Amino acid sequence: MADGIRQAAEEVAAAPFVIPGARGEFRIQVLNEDAERGVVTSIVHIPPGGFIPAHSHTKGSEMHYVLSGELIDGGQRLGPGGFLTHPAGQVHGPHESESGAQVLTVQQWQSRDGEFDFHPA
């Protein structure tokens, strides 16, 4: 888009987000999807007690920035301002949160035409 995008995150509805093997009711706000490059920027809402098993992605790297709450990644606790990134193919996680979290995520889109680039470890 030539003019870019300007929007408040609260203007974007959070939709259910089904993740293979996850526990809890996850939600996602897709803030921007660059279909040409296959990159999506979103806020993932991790519910209290939410859990995503260790996994990898083959399509590309992903980056996560904790906006609120606490994300536990492979046993390491990250609070607001915490950042992590994983290259394509690297096993990472599990991801979980005891009290819930909102995480800004930039990654290659993992779900396209019913295929999900999510490979449990």
PDB file of N, CA and C in Angstrom:
ATOM      1  N   MET A   1       0.847  -1.166   0.000  1.00  0.00           N
ATOM      2  CA  MET A   1       0.000   0.000   0.000  1.00  0.00           C
ATOM      3  C   MET A   1       0.898   1.237   0.000  1.00  0.00           C
ATOM      4  N   ALA A   2       0.723   2.117  -0.950  1.00  0.00           N
ATOM      5  CA  ALA A   2       1.583   3.274  -1.128  1.00  0.00           C
ATOM      6  C   ALA A   2       1.544   4.227   0.058  1.00  0.00           C
ATOM      7  N   ASP A   3       0.391   4.436   0.660  1.00  0.00           N
ATOM      8  CA  ASP A   3       0.255   5.381   1.754  1.00  0.00           C
ATOM      9  C   ASP A   3       0.504   4.761   3.122  1.00  0.00           C
ATOM     10  N   GLY A   4       0.734   3.472   3.181  1.00  0.00           N
ATOM     11  CA  GLY A   4       0.935   2.804   4.456  1.00  0.00           C
ATOM     12  C   GLY A   4      -0.380   2.577   5.186  1.00  0.00           C
ATOM     13  N   ILE A   5      -0.257   2.124   6.409  1.00  0.00           N
ATOM     14  CA  ILE A   5      -1.432   1.828   7.230  1.00  0.00           C
ATOM     15  C   ILE A   5      -1.270   2.533   8.562  1.00  0.00           C
ATOM     16  N   ARG A   6      -2.332   3.175   8.992  1.00  0.00           N
ATOM     17  CA  ARG A   6      -2.368   3.789  10.318  1.00  0.00           C
ATOM     18  C   ARG A   6      -3.666   3.342  10.977  1.00  0.00           C
ATOM     19  N   GLN A   7      -3.516   2.653  12.084  1.00  0.00           N
ATOM     20  CA  GLN A   7      -4.713   2.196  12.777  1.00  0.00           C
ATOM     21  C   GLN A   7      -4.377   1.926  14.236  1.00  0.00           C
ATOM     22  N   ALA A   8      -5.370   1.980  15.066  1.00  0.00           N
ATOM     23  CA  ALA A   8      -5.220   1.617  16.469  1.00  0.00           C
ATOM     24  C   ALA A   8      -5.537   0.131  16.599  1.00  0.00           C
ATOM     25  N   ALA A   9      -4.730  -0.569  17.346  1.00  0.00           N
ATOM     26  CA  ALA A   9      -4.933  -2.016  17.491  1.00  0.00           C
ATOM     27  C   ALA A   9      -6.331  -2.333  18.007  1.00  0.00           C
ATOM     28  N   GLU A  10      -6.875  -1.464  18.878  1.00  0.00           N
ATOM     29  CA  GLU A  10      -8.207  -1.753  19.421  1.00  0.00           C
ATOM     30  C   GLU A  10      -9.303  -1.696  18.356  1.00  0.00           C
ATOM     31  N   GLU A  11      -8.988  -1.151  17.185  1.00  0.00           N
ATOM     32  CA  GLU A  11      -9.959  -1.112  16.085  1.00  0.00           C
ATOM     33  C   GLU A  11     -10.015  -2.436  15.319  1.00  0.00           C
ATOM     34  N   VAL A  12      -9.077  -3.338  15.592  1.00  0.00           N
ATOM     35  CA  VAL A  12      -9.012  -4.621  14.896  1.00  0.00           C
ATOM     36  C   VAL A  12      -9.593  -5.703  15.803  1.00  0.00           C
ATOM     37  N   ALA A  13     -10.633  -6.360  15.328  1.00  0.00           N
ATOM     38  CA  ALA A  13     -11.287  -7.402  16.126  1.00  0.00           C
ATOM     39  C   ALA A  13     -10.354  -8.590  16.331  1.00  0.00           C
ATOM     40  N   ALA A  14     -10.392  -9.156  17.522  1.00  0.00           N
ATOM     41  CA  ALA A  14      -9.632 -10.364  17.821  1.00  0.00           C
ATOM     42  C   ALA A  14     -10.482 -11.568  17.431  1.00  0.00           C
ATOM     43  N   ALA A  15      -9.897 -12.462  16.649  1.00  0.00           N
ATOM     44  CA  ALA A  15     -10.597 -13.652  16.159  1.00  0.00           C
ATOM     45  C   ALA A  15     -10.020 -14.901  16.828  1.00  0.00           C
ATOM     46  N   PRO A  16     -10.797 -15.970  16.916  1.00  0.00           N
ATOM     47  CA  PRO A  16     -10.253 -17.222  17.449  1.00  0.00           C
ATOM     48  C   PRO A  16      -9.041 -17.658  16.628  1.00  0.00           C
ATOM     49  N   PHE A  17      -8.047 -18.214  17.295  1.00  0.00           N
ATOM     50  CA  PHE A  17      -6.802 -18.636  16.656  1.00  0.00           C
ATOM     51  C   PHE A  17      -6.509 -20.057  17.100  1.00  0.00           C
ATOM     52  N   VAL A  18      -6.713 -21.014  16.206  1.00  0.00           N
ATOM     53  CA  VAL A  18      -6.509 -22.425  16.521  1.00  0.00           C
ATOM     54  C   VAL A  18      -5.067 -22.797  16.180  1.00  0.00           C
ATOM     55  N   ILE A  19      -4.352 -23.301  17.177  1.00  0.00           N
ATOM     56  CA  ILE A  19      -2.952 -23.691  17.022  1.00  0.00           C
ATOM     57  C   ILE A  19      -2.864 -25.180  17.336  1.00  0.00           C
ATOM     58  N   PRO A  20      -2.283 -25.987  16.428  1.00  0.00           N
ATOM     59  CA  PRO A  20      -2.210 -27.438  16.667  1.00  0.00           C
ATOM     60  C   PRO A  20      -1.555 -27.788  18.002  1.00  0.00           C
ATOM     61  N   GLY A  21      -2.239 -28.604  18.791  1.00  0.00           N
ATOM     62  CA  GLY A  21      -1.703 -29.079  20.058  1.00  0.00           C
ATOM     63  C   GLY A  21      -1.754 -28.091  21.206  1.00  0.00           C
ATOM     64  N   ALA A  22      -2.264 -26.892  20.961  1.00  0.00           N
ATOM     65  CA  ALA A  22      -2.306 -25.867  22.013  1.00  0.00           C
ATOM     66  C   ALA A  22      -3.440 -26.143  22.993  1.00  0.00           C
ATOM     67  N   ARG A  23      -3.263 -25.612  24.210  1.00  0.00           N
ATOM     68  CA  ARG A  23      -4.309 -25.670  25.235  1.00  0.00           C
ATOM     69  C   ARG A  23      -4.730 -24.244  25.549  1.00  0.00           C
ATOM     70  N   GLY A  24      -6.026 -24.015  25.589  1.00  0.00           N
ATOM     71  CA  GLY A  24      -6.554 -22.694  25.882  1.00  0.00           C
ATOM     72  C   GLY A  24      -7.183 -22.066  24.651  1.00  0.00           C
ATOM     73  N   GLU A  25      -7.938 -20.999  24.869  1.00  0.00           N
ATOM     74  CA  GLU A  25      -8.629 -20.309  23.777  1.00  0.00           C
ATOM     75  C   GLU A  25      -7.821 -19.090  23.345  1.00  0.00           C
ATOM     76  N   PHE A  26      -6.988 -19.281  22.349  1.00  0.00           N
ATOM     77  CA  PHE A  26      -6.148 -18.213  21.818  1.00  0.00           C
ATOM     78  C   PHE A  26      -6.960 -17.330  20.879  1.00  0.00           C
ATOM     79  N   ARG A  27      -6.557 -16.056  20.796  1.00  0.00           N
ATOM     80  CA  ARG A  27      -7.187 -15.113  19.864  1.00  0.00           C
ATOM     81  C   ARG A  27      -6.077 -14.368  19.143  1.00  0.00           C
ATOM     82  N   ILE A  28      -6.400 -13.832  17.968  1.00  0.00           N
ATOM     83  CA  ILE A  28      -5.405 -13.122  17.167  1.00  0.00           C
ATOM     84  C   ILE A  28      -6.030 -11.887  16.535  1.00  0.00           C
ATOM     85  N   GLN A  29      -5.275 -10.802  16.537  1.00  0.00           N
ATOM     86  CA  GLN A  29      -5.638  -9.586  15.805  1.00  0.00           C
ATOM     87  C   GLN A  29      -4.619  -9.452  14.676  1.00  0.00           C
ATOM     88  N   VAL A  30      -5.043  -9.598  13.440  1.00  0.00           N
ATOM     89  CA  VAL A  30      -4.141  -9.426  12.303  1.00  0.00           C
ATOM     90  C   VAL A  30      -4.112  -7.936  11.974  1.00  0.00           C
ATOM     91  N   LEU A  31      -2.981  -7.297  12.255  1.00  0.00           N
ATOM     92  CA  LEU A  31      -2.845  -5.860  12.046  1.00  0.00           C
ATOM     93  C   LEU A  31      -2.499  -5.535  10.602  1.00  0.00           C
ATOM     94  N   ASN A  32      -1.696  -6.398   9.984  1.00  0.00           N
ATOM     95  CA  ASN A  32      -1.296  -6.173   8.595  1.00  0.00           C
ATOM     96  C   ASN A  32      -0.816  -7.479   7.998  1.00  0.00           C
ATOM     97  N   GLU A  33      -1.225  -7.732   6.767  1.00  0.00           N
ATOM     98  CA  GLU A  33      -0.735  -8.899   6.037  1.00  0.00           C
ATOM     99  C   GLU A  33      -0.213  -8.425   4.699  1.00  0.00           C
ATOM    100  N   ASP A  34       1.059  -8.652   4.463  1.00  0.00           N
ATOM    101  CA  ASP A  34       1.685  -8.334   3.184  1.00  0.00           C
ATOM    102  C   ASP A  34       1.678  -9.625   2.374  1.00  0.00           C
ATOM    103  N   ALA A  35       0.609  -9.837   1.618  1.00  0.00           N
ATOM    104  CA  ALA A  35       0.437 -11.087   0.885  1.00  0.00           C
ATOM    105  C   ALA A  35       1.552 -11.315  -0.129  1.00  0.00           C
ATOM    106  N   GLU A  36       2.052 -10.244  -0.724  1.00  0.00           N
ATOM    107  CA  GLU A  36       3.122 -10.379  -1.713  1.00  0.00           C
ATOM    108  C   GLU A  36       4.383 -10.982  -1.104  1.00  0.00           C
ATOM    109  N   ARG A  37       4.709 -10.540   0.102  1.00  0.00           N
ATOM    110  CA  ARG A  37       5.901 -11.055   0.786  1.00  0.00           C
ATOM    111  C   ARG A  37       5.582 -12.199   1.737  1.00  0.00           C
ATOM    112  N   GLY A  38       4.308 -12.423   2.008  1.00  0.00           N
ATOM    113  CA  GLY A  38       3.907 -13.497   2.903  1.00  0.00           C
ATOM    114  C   GLY A  38       4.167 -13.210   4.360  1.00  0.00           C
ATOM    115  N   VAL A  39       4.231 -11.926   4.736  1.00  0.00           N
ATOM    116  CA  VAL A  39       4.532 -11.545   6.113  1.00  0.00           C
ATOM    117  C   VAL A  39       3.267 -11.013   6.777  1.00  0.00           C
ATOM    118  N   VAL A  40       3.072 -11.412   8.026  1.00  0.00           N
ATOM    119  CA  VAL A  40       1.917 -10.938   8.779  1.00  0.00           C
ATOM    120  C   VAL A  40       2.382 -10.362  10.117  1.00  0.00           C
ATOM    121  N   THR A  41       1.759  -9.259  10.507  1.00  0.00           N
ATOM    122  CA  THR A  41       1.987  -8.647  11.815  1.00  0.00           C
ATOM    123  C   THR A  41       0.690  -8.789  12.594  1.00  0.00           C
ATOM    124  N   SER A  42       0.790  -9.333  13.803  1.00  0.00           N
ATOM    125  CA  SER A  42      -0.416  -9.599  14.568  1.00  0.00           C
ATOM    126  C   SER A  42      -0.150  -9.443  16.061  1.00  0.00           C
ATOM    127  N   ILE A  43      -1.237  -9.387  16.806  1.00  0.00           N
ATOM    128  CA  ILE A  43      -1.160  -9.493  18.257  1.00  0.00           C
ATOM    129  C   ILE A  43      -1.830 -10.806  18.621  1.00  0.00           C
ATOM    130  N   VAL A  44      -1.061 -11.679  19.262  1.00  0.00           N
ATOM    131  CA  VAL A  44      -1.581 -12.962  19.714  1.00  0.00           C
ATOM    132  C   VAL A  44      -1.943 -12.820  21.188  1.00  0.00           C
ATOM    133  N   HIS A  45      -3.184 -13.173  21.509  1.00  0.00           N
ATOM    134  CA  HIS A  45      -3.677 -13.124  22.884  1.00  0.00           C
ATOM    135  C   HIS A  45      -3.585 -14.538  23.456  1.00  0.00           C
ATOM    136  N   ILE A  46      -2.683 -14.706  24.409  1.00  0.00           N
ATOM    137  CA  ILE A  46      -2.497 -15.998  25.057  1.00  0.00           C
ATOM    138  C   ILE A  46      -3.338 -15.990  26.331  1.00  0.00           C
ATOM    139  N   PRO A  47      -4.243 -16.961  26.480  1.00  0.00           N
ATOM    140  CA  PRO A  47      -5.105 -16.959  27.667  1.00  0.00           C
ATOM    141  C   PRO A  47      -4.339 -17.408  28.912  1.00  0.00           C
ATOM    142  N   PRO A  48      -4.853 -17.079  30.108  1.00  0.00           N
ATOM    143  CA  PRO A  48      -4.243 -17.622  31.316  1.00  0.00           C
ATOM    144  C   PRO A  48      -4.195 -19.148  31.226  1.00  0.00           C
ATOM    145  N   GLY A  49      -3.037 -19.707  31.496  1.00  0.00           N
ATOM    146  CA  GLY A  49      -2.865 -21.156  31.400  1.00  0.00           C
ATOM    147  C   GLY A  49      -2.653 -21.645  29.977  1.00  0.00           C
ATOM    148  N   GLY A  50      -2.582 -20.734  29.020  1.00  0.00           N
ATOM    149  CA  GLY A  50      -2.391 -21.126  27.618  1.00  0.00           C
ATOM    150  C   GLY A  50      -1.047 -21.800  27.390  1.00  0.00           C
ATOM    151  N   PHE A  51      -1.032 -22.733  26.463  1.00  0.00           N
ATOM    152  CA  PHE A  51       0.174 -23.526  26.202  1.00  0.00           C
ATOM    153  C   PHE A  51       0.260 -23.858  24.715  1.00  0.00           C
ATOM    154  N   ILE A  52       1.415 -23.636  24.123  1.00  0.00           N
ATOM    155  CA  ILE A  52       1.704 -24.035  22.735  1.00  0.00           C
ATOM    156  C   ILE A  52       2.907 -24.964  22.798  1.00  0.00           C
ATOM    157  N   PRO A  53       2.817 -26.190  22.274  1.00  0.00           N
ATOM    158  CA  PRO A  53       3.937 -27.132  22.370  1.00  0.00           C
ATOM    159  C   PRO A  53       5.157 -26.660  21.576  1.00  0.00           C
ATOM    160  N   ALA A  54       6.318 -27.209  21.926  1.00  0.00           N
ATOM    161  CA  ALA A  54       7.540 -26.931  21.169  1.00  0.00           C
ATOM    162  C   ALA A  54       7.301 -27.300  19.707  1.00  0.00           C
ATOM    163  N   HIS A  55       7.850 -26.477  18.806  1.00  0.00           N
ATOM    164  CA  HIS A  55       7.554 -26.653  17.385  1.00  0.00           C
ATOM    165  C   HIS A  55       8.580 -25.909  16.535  1.00  0.00           C
ATOM    166  N   SER A  56       8.430 -26.027  15.221  1.00  0.00           N
ATOM    167  CA  SER A  56       9.232 -25.251  14.282  1.00  0.00           C
ATOM    168  C   SER A  56       8.354 -24.838  13.102  1.00  0.00           C
ATOM    169  N   HIS A  57       8.881 -23.912  12.307  1.00  0.00           N
ATOM    170  CA  HIS A  57       8.226 -23.442  11.085  1.00  0.00           C
ATOM    171  C   HIS A  57       9.259 -23.491   9.965  1.00  0.00           C
ATOM    172  N   THR A  58       8.849 -23.851   8.766  1.00  0.00           N
ATOM    173  CA  THR A  58       9.800 -23.923   7.655  1.00  0.00           C
ATOM    174  C   THR A  58       9.739 -22.710   6.737  1.00  0.00           C
ATOM    175  N   LYS A  59       8.664 -21.936   6.792  1.00  0.00           N
ATOM    176  CA  LYS A  59       8.456 -20.841   5.835  1.00  0.00           C
ATOM    177  C   LYS A  59       9.325 -19.615   6.096  1.00  0.00           C
ATOM    178  N   GLY A  60       9.717 -19.370   7.341  1.00  0.00           N
ATOM    179  CA  GLY A  60      10.514 -18.186   7.637  1.00  0.00           C
ATOM    180  C   GLY A  60      10.644 -17.962   9.125  1.00  0.00           C
ATOM    181  N   SER A  61      11.363 -16.910   9.476  1.00  0.00           N
ATOM    182  CA  SER A  61      11.594 -16.593  10.881  1.00  0.00           C
ATOM    183  C   SER A  61      10.349 -15.953  11.496  1.00  0.00           C
ATOM    184  N   GLU A  62      10.375 -15.853  12.816  1.00  0.00           N
ATOM    185  CA  GLU A  62       9.309 -15.159  13.527  1.00  0.00           C
ATOM    186  C   GLU A  62       9.918 -14.359  14.673  1.00  0.00           C
ATOM    187  N   MET A  63       9.271 -13.246  14.987  1.00  0.00           N
ATOM    188  CA  MET A  63       9.726 -12.373  16.060  1.00  0.00           C
ATOM    189  C   MET A  63       8.553 -12.081  16.980  1.00  0.00           C
ATOM    190  N   HIS A  64       8.819 -12.055  18.280  1.00  0.00           N
ATOM    191  CA  HIS A  64       7.779 -11.814  19.276  1.00  0.00           C
ATOM    192  C   HIS A  64       8.233 -10.731  20.253  1.00  0.00           C
ATOM    193  N   TYR A  65       7.330  -9.802  20.545  1.00  0.00           N
ATOM    194  CA  TYR A  65       7.579  -8.737  21.514  1.00  0.00           C
ATOM    195  C   TYR A  65       6.419  -8.745  22.494  1.00  0.00           C
ATOM    196  N   VAL A  66       6.711  -8.948  23.774  1.00  0.00           N
ATOM    197  CA  VAL A  66       5.661  -9.043  24.785  1.00  0.00           C
ATOM    198  C   VAL A  66       5.128  -7.647  25.101  1.00  0.00           C
ATOM    199  N   LEU A  67       3.843  -7.447  24.822  1.00  0.00           N
ATOM    200  CA  LEU A  67       3.184  -6.171  25.095  1.00  0.00           C
ATOM    201  C   LEU A  67       2.683  -6.096  26.527  1.00  0.00           C
ATOM    202  N   SER A  68       2.072  -7.184  26.992  1.00  0.00           N
ATOM    203  CA  SER A  68       1.540  -7.216  28.357  1.00  0.00           C
ATOM    204  C   SER A  68       1.512  -8.654  28.839  1.00  0.00           C
ATOM    205  N   GLY A  69       1.459  -8.794  30.154  1.00  0.00           N
ATOM    206  CA  GLY A  69       1.427 -10.123  30.740  1.00  0.00           C
ATOM    207  C   GLY A  69       2.809 -10.745  30.768  1.00  0.00           C
ATOM    208  N   GLU A  70       2.825 -12.068  30.768  1.00  0.00           N
ATOM    209  CA  GLU A  70       4.081 -12.790  30.860  1.00  0.00           C
ATOM    210  C   GLU A  70       4.061 -13.983  29.915  1.00  0.00           C
ATOM    211  N   LEU A  71       5.086 -14.085  29.101  1.00  0.00           N
ATOM    212  CA  LEU A  71       5.267 -15.209  28.188  1.00  0.00           C
ATOM    213  C   LEU A  71       6.406 -16.057  28.721  1.00  0.00           C
ATOM    214  N   ILE A  72       6.177 -17.341  28.823  1.00  0.00           N
ATOM    215  CA  ILE A  72       7.230 -18.270  29.225  1.00  0.00           C
ATOM    216  C   ILE A  72       7.617 -19.040  27.973  1.00  0.00           C
ATOM    217  N   ASP A  73       8.855 -18.882  27.550  1.00  0.00           N
ATOM    218  CA  ASP A  73       9.350 -19.515  26.326  1.00  0.00           C
ATOM    219  C   ASP A  73      10.460 -20.486  26.694  1.00  0.00           C
ATOM    220  N   GLY A  74      10.195 -21.782  26.551  1.00  0.00           N
ATOM    221  CA  GLY A  74      11.198 -22.781  26.888  1.00  0.00           C
ATOM    222  C   GLY A  74      11.676 -22.663  28.323  1.00  0.00           C
ATOM    223  N   GLY A  75      10.776 -22.254  29.224  1.00  0.00           N
ATOM    224  CA  GLY A  75      11.104 -22.127  30.636  1.00  0.00           C
ATOM    225  C   GLY A  75      11.602 -20.749  31.045  1.00  0.00           C
ATOM    226  N   GLN A  76      11.922 -19.871  30.104  1.00  0.00           N
ATOM    227  CA  GLN A  76      12.392 -18.518  30.425  1.00  0.00           C
ATOM    228  C   GLN A  76      11.223 -17.550  30.432  1.00  0.00           C
ATOM    229  N   ARG A  77      11.084 -16.785  31.517  1.00  0.00           N
ATOM    230  CA  ARG A  77       9.984 -15.830  31.665  1.00  0.00           C
ATOM    231  C   ARG A  77      10.349 -14.496  31.037  1.00  0.00           C
ATOM    232  N   LEU A  78       9.426 -13.985  30.215  1.00  0.00           N
ATOM    233  CA  LEU A  78       9.602 -12.686  29.575  1.00  0.00           C
ATOM    234  C   LEU A  78       8.392 -11.829  29.886  1.00  0.00           C
ATOM    235  N   GLY A  79       8.607 -10.665  30.479  1.00  0.00           N
ATOM    236  CA  GLY A  79       7.528  -9.736  30.767  1.00  0.00           C
ATOM    237  C   GLY A  79       7.430  -8.690  29.680  1.00  0.00           C
ATOM    238  N   PRO A  80       6.623  -7.652  29.909  1.00  0.00           N
ATOM    239  CA  PRO A  80       6.482  -6.586  28.920  1.00  0.00           C
ATOM    240  C   PRO A  80       7.850  -6.031  28.499  1.00  0.00           C
ATOM    241  N   GLY A  81       8.035  -5.905  27.207  1.00  0.00           N
ATOM    242  CA  GLY A  81       9.309  -5.462  26.652  1.00  0.00           C
ATOM    243  C   GLY A  81      10.234  -6.607  26.292  1.00  0.00           C
ATOM    244  N   GLY A  82       9.878  -7.830  26.693  1.00  0.00           N
ATOM    245  CA  GLY A  82      10.694  -8.995  26.339  1.00  0.00           C
ATOM    246  C   GLY A  82      10.594  -9.281  24.847  1.00  0.00           C
ATOM    247  N   PHE A  83      11.691  -9.704  24.248  1.00  0.00           N
ATOM    248  CA  PHE A  83      11.753  -9.951  22.806  1.00  0.00           C
ATOM    249  C   PHE A  83      12.424 -11.286  22.555  1.00  0.00           C
ATOM    250  N   LEU A  84      11.923 -12.017  21.575  1.00  0.00           N
ATOM    251  CA  LEU A  84      12.575 -13.241  21.132  1.00  0.00           C
ATOM    252  C   LEU A  84      12.346 -13.427  19.646  1.00  0.00           C
ATOM    253  N   THR A  85      13.274 -14.115  19.010  1.00  0.00           N
ATOM    254  CA  THR A  85      13.149 -14.401  17.586  1.00  0.00           C
ATOM    255  C   THR A  85      13.712 -15.786  17.316  1.00  0.00           C
ATOM    256  N   HIS A  86      13.176 -16.434  16.288  1.00  0.00           N
ATOM    257  CA  HIS A  86      13.597 -17.778  15.913  1.00  0.00           C
ATOM    258  C   HIS A  86      13.700 -17.852  14.395  1.00  0.00           C
ATOM    259  N   PRO A  87      14.817 -18.372  13.866  1.00  0.00           N
ATOM    260  CA  PRO A  87      14.921 -18.524  12.420  1.00  0.00           C
ATOM    261  C   PRO A  87      14.079 -19.709  11.928  1.00  0.00           C
ATOM    262  N   ALA A  88      13.821 -19.738  10.646  1.00  0.00           N
ATOM    263  CA  ALA A  88      13.083 -20.856  10.045  1.00  0.00           C
ATOM    264  C   ALA A  88      13.789 -22.159  10.384  1.00  0.00           C
ATOM    265  N   GLY A  89      12.990 -23.160  10.749  1.00  0.00           N
ATOM    266  CA  GLY A  89      13.518 -24.489  11.013  1.00  0.00           C
ATOM    267  C   GLY A  89      13.986 -24.731  12.433  1.00  0.00           C
ATOM    268  N   GLN A  90      14.165 -23.681  13.234  1.00  0.00           N
ATOM    269  CA  GLN A  90      14.639 -23.864  14.609  1.00  0.00           C
ATOM    270  C   GLN A  90      13.485 -24.275  15.509  1.00  0.00           C
ATOM    271  N   VAL A  91      13.676 -25.359  16.259  1.00  0.00           N
ATOM    272  CA  VAL A  91      12.666 -25.776  17.231  1.00  0.00           C
ATOM    273  C   VAL A  91      12.677 -24.772  18.377  1.00  0.00           C
ATOM    274  N   HIS A  92      11.504 -24.325  18.786  1.00  0.00           N
ATOM    275  CA  HIS A  92      11.377 -23.368  19.880  1.00  0.00           C
ATOM    276  C   HIS A  92      10.116 -23.656  20.673  1.00  0.00           C
ATOM    277  N   GLY A  93      10.060 -23.049  21.865  1.00  0.00           N
ATOM    278  CA  GLY A  93       8.961 -23.306  22.765  1.00  0.00           C
ATOM    279  C   GLY A  93       9.352 -24.392  23.751  1.00  0.00           C
ATOM    280  N   PRO A  94       8.394 -24.904  24.501  1.00  0.00           N
ATOM    281  CA  PRO A  94       6.997 -24.502  24.419  1.00  0.00           C
ATOM    282  C   PRO A  94       6.798 -23.056  24.871  1.00  0.00           C
ATOM    283  N   HIS A  95       5.698 -22.454  24.386  1.00  0.00           N
ATOM    284  CA  HIS A  95       5.284 -21.128  24.805  1.00  0.00           C
ATOM    285  C   HIS A  95       4.101 -21.329  25.756  1.00  0.00           C
ATOM    286  N   GLU A  96       4.105 -20.574  26.839  1.00  0.00           N
ATOM    287  CA  GLU A  96       2.969 -20.663  27.753  1.00  0.00           C
ATOM    288  C   GLU A  96       2.853 -19.376  28.558  1.00  0.00           C
ATOM    289  N   SER A  97       1.744 -19.236  29.249  1.00  0.00           N
ATOM    290  CA  SER A  97       1.537 -18.079  30.115  1.00  0.00           C
ATOM    291  C   SER A  97       0.639 -18.488  31.264  1.00  0.00           C
ATOM    292  N   GLU A  98       1.090 -18.190  32.477  1.00  0.00           N
ATOM    293  CA  GLU A  98       0.280 -18.513  33.650  1.00  0.00           C
ATOM    294  C   GLU A  98      -0.882 -17.541  33.801  1.00  0.00           C
ATOM    295  N   SER A  99      -0.623 -16.257  33.540  1.00  0.00           N
ATOM    296  CA  SER A  99      -1.636 -15.231  33.768  1.00  0.00           C
ATOM    297  C   SER A  99      -2.207 -14.625  32.489  1.00  0.00           C
ATOM    298  N   GLY A 100      -1.718 -15.062  31.339  1.00  0.00           N
ATOM    299  CA  GLY A 100      -2.153 -14.519  30.059  1.00  0.00           C
ATOM    300  C   GLY A 100      -1.158 -13.485  29.558  1.00  0.00           C
ATOM    301  N   ALA A 101      -1.171 -13.235  28.247  1.00  0.00           N
ATOM    302  CA  ALA A 101      -0.241 -12.273  27.651  1.00  0.00           C
ATOM    303  C   ALA A 101      -0.777 -11.803  26.310  1.00  0.00           C
ATOM    304  N   GLN A 102      -0.301 -10.637  25.911  1.00  0.00           N
ATOM    305  CA  GLN A 102      -0.521 -10.143  24.552  1.00  0.00           C
ATOM    306  C   GLN A 102       0.863  -9.992  23.936  1.00  0.00           C
ATOM    307  N   VAL A 103       1.057 -10.602  22.768  1.00  0.00           N
ATOM    308  CA  VAL A 103       2.372 -10.646  22.143  1.00  0.00           C
ATOM    309  C   VAL A 103       2.272 -10.152  20.710  1.00  0.00           C
ATOM    310  N   LEU A 104       3.039  -9.103  20.400  1.00  0.00           N
ATOM    311  CA  LEU A 104       3.137  -8.605  19.031  1.00  0.00           C
ATOM    312  C   LEU A 104       4.046  -9.569  18.275  1.00  0.00           C
ATOM    313  N   THR A 105       3.560 -10.081  17.150  1.00  0.00           N
ATOM    314  CA  THR A 105       4.286 -11.096  16.396  1.00  0.00           C
ATOM    315  C   THR A 105       4.419 -10.675  14.941  1.00  0.00           C
ATOM    316  N   VAL A 106       5.619 -10.832  14.409  1.00  0.00           N
ATOM    317  CA  VAL A 106       5.878 -10.608  12.986  1.00  0.00           C
ATOM    318  C   VAL A 106       6.482 -11.903  12.461  1.00  0.00           C
ATOM    319  N   GLN A 107       5.860 -12.470  11.431  1.00  0.00           N
ATOM    320  CA  GLN A 107       6.320 -13.762  10.929  1.00  0.00           C
ATOM    321  C   GLN A 107       5.793 -14.023   9.517  1.00  0.00           C
ATOM    322  N   GLN A 108       6.359 -15.063   8.911  1.00  0.00           N
ATOM    323  CA  GLN A 108       5.799 -15.560   7.661  1.00  0.00           C
ATOM    324  C   GLN A 108       4.442 -16.154   8.005  1.00  0.00           C
ATOM    325  N   TRP A 109       3.442 -15.897   7.196  1.00  0.00           N
ATOM    326  CA  TRP A 109       2.101 -16.404   7.481  1.00  0.00           C
ATOM    327  C   TRP A 109       2.139 -17.914   7.524  1.00  0.00           C
ATOM    328  N   GLN A 110       1.615 -18.506   8.573  1.00  0.00           N
ATOM    329  CA  GLN A 110       1.736 -19.943   8.797  1.00  0.00           C
ATOM    330  C   GLN A 110       0.564 -20.750   8.281  1.00  0.00           C
ATOM    331  N   SER A 111      -0.508 -20.110   7.919  1.00  0.00           N
ATOM    332  CA  SER A 111      -1.682 -20.839   7.483  1.00  0.00           C
ATOM    333  C   SER A 111      -2.134 -20.284   6.133  1.00  0.00           C
ATOM    334  N   ARG A 112      -2.126 -21.113   5.134  1.00  0.00           N
ATOM    335  CA  ARG A 112      -2.526 -20.683   3.806  1.00  0.00           C
ATOM    336  C   ARG A 112      -3.275 -21.826   3.138  1.00  0.00           C
ATOM    337  N   ASP A 113      -4.481 -21.570   2.705  1.00  0.00           N
ATOM    338  CA  ASP A 113      -5.290 -22.577   2.002  1.00  0.00           C
ATOM    339  C   ASP A 113      -5.418 -23.879   2.782  1.00  0.00           C
ATOM    340  N   GLY A 114      -5.588 -23.746   4.103  1.00  0.00           N
ATOM    341  CA  GLY A 114      -5.804 -24.937   4.935  1.00  0.00           C
ATOM    342  C   GLY A 114      -4.531 -25.629   5.373  1.00  0.00           C
ATOM    343  N   GLU A 115      -3.376 -25.191   4.872  1.00  0.00           N
ATOM    344  CA  GLU A 115      -2.114 -25.787   5.302  1.00  0.00           C
ATOM    345  C   GLU A 115      -1.524 -24.925   6.401  1.00  0.00           C
ATOM    346  N   PHE A 116      -1.001 -25.541   7.444  1.00  0.00           N
ATOM    347  CA  PHE A 116      -0.480 -24.798   8.578  1.00  0.00           C
ATOM    348  C   PHE A 116       1.000 -25.149   8.737  1.00  0.00           C
ATOM    349  N   ASP A 117       1.878 -24.158   8.639  1.00  0.00           N
ATOM    350  CA  ASP A 117       3.321 -24.368   8.767  1.00  0.00           C
ATOM    351  C   ASP A 117       3.690 -24.415  10.254  1.00  0.00           C
ATOM    352  N   PHE A 118       3.325 -25.501  10.882  1.00  0.00           N
ATOM    353  CA  PHE A 118       3.545 -25.689  12.311  1.00  0.00           C
ATOM    354  C   PHE A 118       3.907 -27.147  12.495  1.00  0.00           C
ATOM    355  N   HIS A 119       5.132 -27.410  12.945  1.00  0.00           N
ATOM    356  CA  HIS A 119       5.628 -28.789  13.032  1.00  0.00           C
ATOM    357  C   HIS A 119       6.012 -29.100  14.478  1.00  0.00           C
ATOM    358  N   PRO A 120       5.140 -29.833  15.205  1.00  0.00           N
ATOM    359  CA  PRO A 120       5.460 -30.176  16.601  1.00  0.00           C
ATOM    360  C   PRO A 120       6.811 -30.888  16.697  1.00  0.00           C
ATOM    361  N   ALA A 121       7.537 -30.569  17.772  1.00  0.00           N
ATOM    362  CA  ALA A 121       8.868 -31.173  17.968  1.00  0.00           C
ATOM    363  C   ALA A 121       8.728 -32.514  18.678  1.00  0.00           C
TER     364      ALA A 121
END
